[in-house]
Protein backbone atom coordinates (compact mmCIF):
# COMPACT_ATOMS: atom_id res chain seq x y z
CA UNK A 1 -10.60 -12.85 31.44
CA UNK A 2 -7.33 -13.99 29.83
CA UNK A 3 -4.58 -11.34 29.98
CA UNK A 4 -1.90 -13.69 28.67
CA UNK A 5 0.29 -11.98 26.09
CA UNK A 6 1.32 -13.89 23.00
CA UNK A 7 4.43 -13.03 20.99
CA UNK A 8 5.96 -14.54 17.88
CA UNK A 9 9.71 -14.92 18.29
CA UNK A 10 12.28 -15.71 15.64
CA UNK A 11 15.57 -17.06 16.95
CA UNK A 12 18.43 -16.92 14.45
CA UNK A 13 21.10 -19.18 15.90
CA UNK A 14 23.44 -21.66 14.21
CA UNK A 15 24.28 -23.49 17.44
CA UNK A 16 21.54 -25.92 18.50
CA UNK A 17 22.59 -25.93 22.14
CA UNK A 18 22.43 -22.13 22.34
CA UNK A 19 19.05 -22.20 20.63
CA UNK A 20 17.73 -24.68 23.19
CA UNK A 21 19.02 -22.53 26.06
CA UNK A 22 17.20 -19.47 24.70
CA UNK A 23 14.07 -21.50 24.04
CA UNK A 24 14.07 -22.83 27.60
CA UNK A 25 14.49 -19.31 29.00
CA UNK A 26 11.43 -18.21 27.06
CA UNK A 27 9.46 -21.12 28.45
CA UNK A 28 10.30 -19.99 32.00
CA UNK A 29 8.67 -16.60 31.52
CA UNK A 30 5.27 -16.28 33.14
CA UNK A 31 2.49 -14.06 31.87
CA UNK A 32 3.55 -14.49 28.24
CA UNK A 33 3.55 -17.24 25.67
CA UNK A 34 6.04 -17.33 22.82
CA UNK A 35 5.52 -18.97 19.45
CA UNK A 36 9.11 -19.79 18.57
CA UNK A 37 10.58 -20.13 15.09
CA UNK A 38 14.17 -21.26 14.63
CA UNK A 39 16.37 -20.15 11.73
CA UNK A 40 19.64 -22.07 11.66
CA UNK A 41 21.69 -19.83 9.36
CA UNK A 42 22.15 -16.34 7.99
CA UNK A 43 20.20 -17.27 4.86
CA UNK A 44 17.30 -18.86 6.77
CA UNK A 45 17.19 -15.89 9.11
CA UNK A 46 17.08 -13.38 6.26
CA UNK A 47 14.27 -15.29 4.53
CA UNK A 48 12.23 -15.51 7.74
CA UNK A 49 12.79 -11.88 8.77
CA UNK A 50 11.80 -10.56 5.35
CA UNK A 51 8.36 -12.20 5.72
CA UNK A 52 7.57 -9.92 8.70
CA UNK A 53 5.67 -12.61 10.60
CA UNK A 54 7.35 -12.12 13.99
CA UNK A 55 7.03 -9.61 16.82
CA UNK A 56 10.68 -9.85 17.84
CA UNK A 57 13.90 -11.39 16.49
CA UNK A 58 16.73 -12.74 18.64
CA UNK A 59 19.81 -12.88 16.42
CA UNK A 60 23.16 -14.41 17.27
CA UNK A 61 26.10 -12.11 16.68
CA UNK A 62 28.14 -14.87 15.01
CA UNK A 63 26.50 -16.82 12.18
CA UNK A 64 29.19 -18.87 10.49
CA UNK A 65 31.00 -16.66 8.01
CA UNK A 66 28.48 -13.89 8.64
CA UNK A 67 27.37 -11.91 11.66
CA UNK A 68 24.12 -10.63 13.12
CA UNK A 69 24.88 -7.01 12.23
CA UNK A 70 25.14 -7.94 8.56
CA UNK A 71 21.92 -9.94 8.84
CA UNK A 72 20.12 -7.01 10.46
CA UNK A 73 21.27 -4.66 7.70
CA UNK A 74 20.30 -7.11 4.95
CA UNK A 75 16.92 -7.76 6.57
CA UNK A 76 16.12 -4.05 6.83
CA UNK A 77 17.01 -3.66 3.15
CA UNK A 78 14.63 -6.54 2.40
CA UNK A 79 11.82 -4.75 4.26
CA UNK A 80 11.99 -6.49 7.66
CA UNK A 81 10.37 -4.37 10.35
CA UNK A 82 10.40 -6.41 13.58
CA UNK A 83 12.75 -5.18 16.32
CA UNK A 84 15.98 -7.14 16.61
CA UNK A 85 17.90 -8.06 19.75
CA UNK A 86 21.47 -9.19 19.08
CA UNK A 87 22.81 -11.96 21.31
CA UNK A 88 26.58 -11.82 21.66
CA UNK A 89 29.36 -13.86 23.16
CA UNK A 90 31.09 -12.51 26.25
CA UNK A 91 34.27 -11.83 24.27
CA UNK A 92 32.68 -9.48 21.74
CA UNK A 93 33.42 -6.20 23.48
CA UNK A 94 32.43 -4.01 20.55
CA UNK A 95 29.25 -5.90 19.70
CA UNK A 96 26.99 -3.52 21.60
CA UNK A 97 28.22 -0.49 19.66
CA UNK A 98 27.95 -2.32 16.35
CA UNK A 99 24.46 -3.48 17.26
CA UNK A 100 23.23 0.01 18.09
CA UNK A 101 24.77 1.52 14.97
CA UNK A 102 23.01 -1.11 12.86
CA UNK A 103 19.65 -0.29 14.43
CA UNK A 104 19.25 -3.16 16.88
CA UNK A 105 16.71 -2.59 19.63
CA UNK A 106 19.10 -3.99 22.25
CA UNK A 107 21.74 -6.62 22.84
CA UNK A 108 22.27 -9.41 25.36
CA UNK A 109 25.37 -11.36 26.37
CA UNK A 110 25.30 -15.15 26.36
CA UNK A 111 25.79 -16.68 29.76
CA UNK A 112 24.45 -13.54 31.45
CA UNK A 113 20.80 -13.87 30.41
CA UNK A 114 18.12 -14.68 32.96
CA UNK A 115 14.48 -15.29 32.05
CA UNK A 116 13.43 -12.03 33.72
CA UNK A 117 16.07 -10.04 31.82
CA UNK A 118 15.05 -11.65 28.55
CA UNK A 119 11.36 -10.93 29.14
CA UNK A 120 12.02 -7.29 30.02
CA UNK A 121 14.30 -6.76 27.03
CA UNK A 122 11.76 -8.29 24.64
CA UNK A 123 8.88 -6.30 26.12
CA UNK A 124 10.72 -2.99 25.99
CA UNK A 125 11.83 -3.59 22.40
CA UNK A 126 8.28 -4.37 21.27
CA UNK A 127 6.83 -1.40 23.16
CA UNK A 128 9.39 0.98 21.66
CA UNK A 129 8.64 -0.35 18.19
CA UNK A 130 4.90 0.14 18.69
CA UNK A 131 5.43 3.66 20.04
CA UNK A 132 7.66 4.55 17.09
CA UNK A 133 5.13 3.16 14.61
CA UNK A 134 2.32 5.13 16.24
CA UNK A 135 4.40 8.32 16.22
CA UNK A 136 5.21 7.83 12.53
CA UNK A 137 1.54 7.28 11.74
CA UNK A 138 0.51 10.42 13.62
CA UNK A 139 3.23 12.44 11.91
CA UNK A 140 2.06 11.23 8.50
CA UNK A 141 -1.55 12.00 9.38
CA UNK A 142 -0.71 15.54 10.47
CA UNK A 143 1.39 16.05 7.34
CA UNK A 144 -1.55 14.94 5.20
CA UNK A 145 -3.84 17.31 7.11
CA UNK A 146 -1.44 20.21 6.58
CA UNK A 147 -1.13 19.44 2.89
CA UNK A 148 -4.91 19.27 2.47
CA UNK A 149 -5.47 22.58 4.27
CA UNK A 150 -2.70 24.16 2.21
CA UNK A 151 -4.40 22.96 -0.97
CA UNK A 152 -7.76 24.33 0.21
CA UNK A 153 -6.27 27.74 0.94
CA UNK A 154 -4.80 28.01 -2.56
CA UNK A 155 -8.12 27.31 -4.28
CA UNK A 156 -10.12 30.17 -5.78
CA UNK A 157 -13.45 29.86 -4.00
CA UNK A 158 -15.75 31.90 -1.76
CA UNK A 159 -14.58 32.21 1.83
CA UNK A 160 -17.52 30.14 3.05
CA UNK A 161 -16.47 27.25 0.81
CA UNK A 162 -12.85 27.49 1.93
CA UNK A 163 -13.87 27.40 5.58
CA UNK A 164 -16.17 24.43 5.00
CA UNK A 165 -13.35 22.55 3.28
CA UNK A 166 -10.98 23.38 6.14
CA UNK A 167 -13.52 22.04 8.62
CA UNK A 168 -13.89 18.93 6.48
CA UNK A 169 -10.13 18.37 6.52
CA UNK A 170 -10.08 18.72 10.31
CA UNK A 171 -12.84 16.14 10.69
CA UNK A 172 -11.19 13.73 8.26
CA UNK A 173 -7.53 13.87 9.25
CA UNK A 174 -7.91 14.66 12.96
CA UNK A 175 -10.60 12.03 13.50
CA UNK A 176 -13.05 14.65 14.73
CA UNK A 177 -16.69 13.83 15.29
CA UNK A 178 -17.24 17.56 15.10
CA UNK A 179 -14.96 20.21 13.56
CA UNK A 180 -16.00 23.85 13.62
CA UNK A 181 -14.53 27.11 12.40
CA UNK A 182 -15.60 30.22 14.30
CA UNK A 183 -14.88 33.74 13.08
CA UNK A 184 -14.94 36.83 15.25
CA UNK A 185 -17.32 39.44 13.85
CA UNK A 186 -16.24 42.92 14.93
CA UNK A 187 -19.66 44.38 14.24
CA UNK A 188 -21.49 41.78 16.30
CA UNK A 189 -18.62 41.65 18.79
CA UNK A 190 -19.06 37.91 18.94
CA UNK A 191 -17.74 34.66 17.52
CA UNK A 192 -19.91 33.36 14.71
CA UNK A 193 -20.00 29.76 13.55
CA UNK A 194 -18.80 29.88 9.95
CA UNK A 195 -18.25 26.21 9.05
CA UNK A 196 -18.70 22.76 10.50
CA UNK A 197 -18.09 19.17 9.46
CA UNK A 198 -18.07 15.67 10.87
CA UNK A 199 -20.72 13.12 11.90
CA UNK A 200 -22.10 15.37 14.63
CA UNK A 201 -22.05 18.59 12.61
CA UNK A 202 -25.76 18.53 11.73
CA UNK A 203 -26.81 17.94 15.35
CA UNK A 204 -24.53 20.73 16.58
CA UNK A 205 -25.91 23.12 13.96
CA UNK A 206 -29.50 22.31 14.93
CA UNK A 207 -28.68 22.87 18.61
CA UNK A 208 -27.09 26.25 17.89
CA UNK A 209 -30.11 27.33 15.83
CA UNK A 210 -32.43 26.43 18.70
CA UNK A 211 -30.45 28.74 20.96
CA UNK A 212 -30.88 31.74 18.67
């Protein structure tokens, strides 16, 4: 079994020597392989980032007349979604604050980067991005579920139909194999199955009928 992780890395760096140093650090990391793309300028970096083909971007803080913060902002405007790690010079004391304000996942200081530090920073940035994307997806799914149930409850229909539609929304938006709505009957002094939906709804209904 091959557990080797593969990541696509974009390095935006206008200094070839600094690019080679970062590339060599990536090659030292064990347990991961990195497909490396090099953008040599602000413009090349923006074009590459907007294509959204990378898992992580390592962006130099100084890019000729531009800087990495400006590139990050322009890339986000262009629809870039990959996490960005800004790489700064030791003399840029305010770079970390600027990086965080611009939405960078993290920042590293040139001359103070070891392979282990680089690997951990990249991994954490990618994991945080994946967690945030999953949370956004779940939030959107729950919002859609709430909107659908709200729509069902405003419809003029028999109660049985409303409950069936609510069960259907639960199965659809909550990924339920079986969604059921039970209503307490005061006369029977028991919960009664009033609606069900989902792939296993028919089997569950048949099983409940066999018990009665």
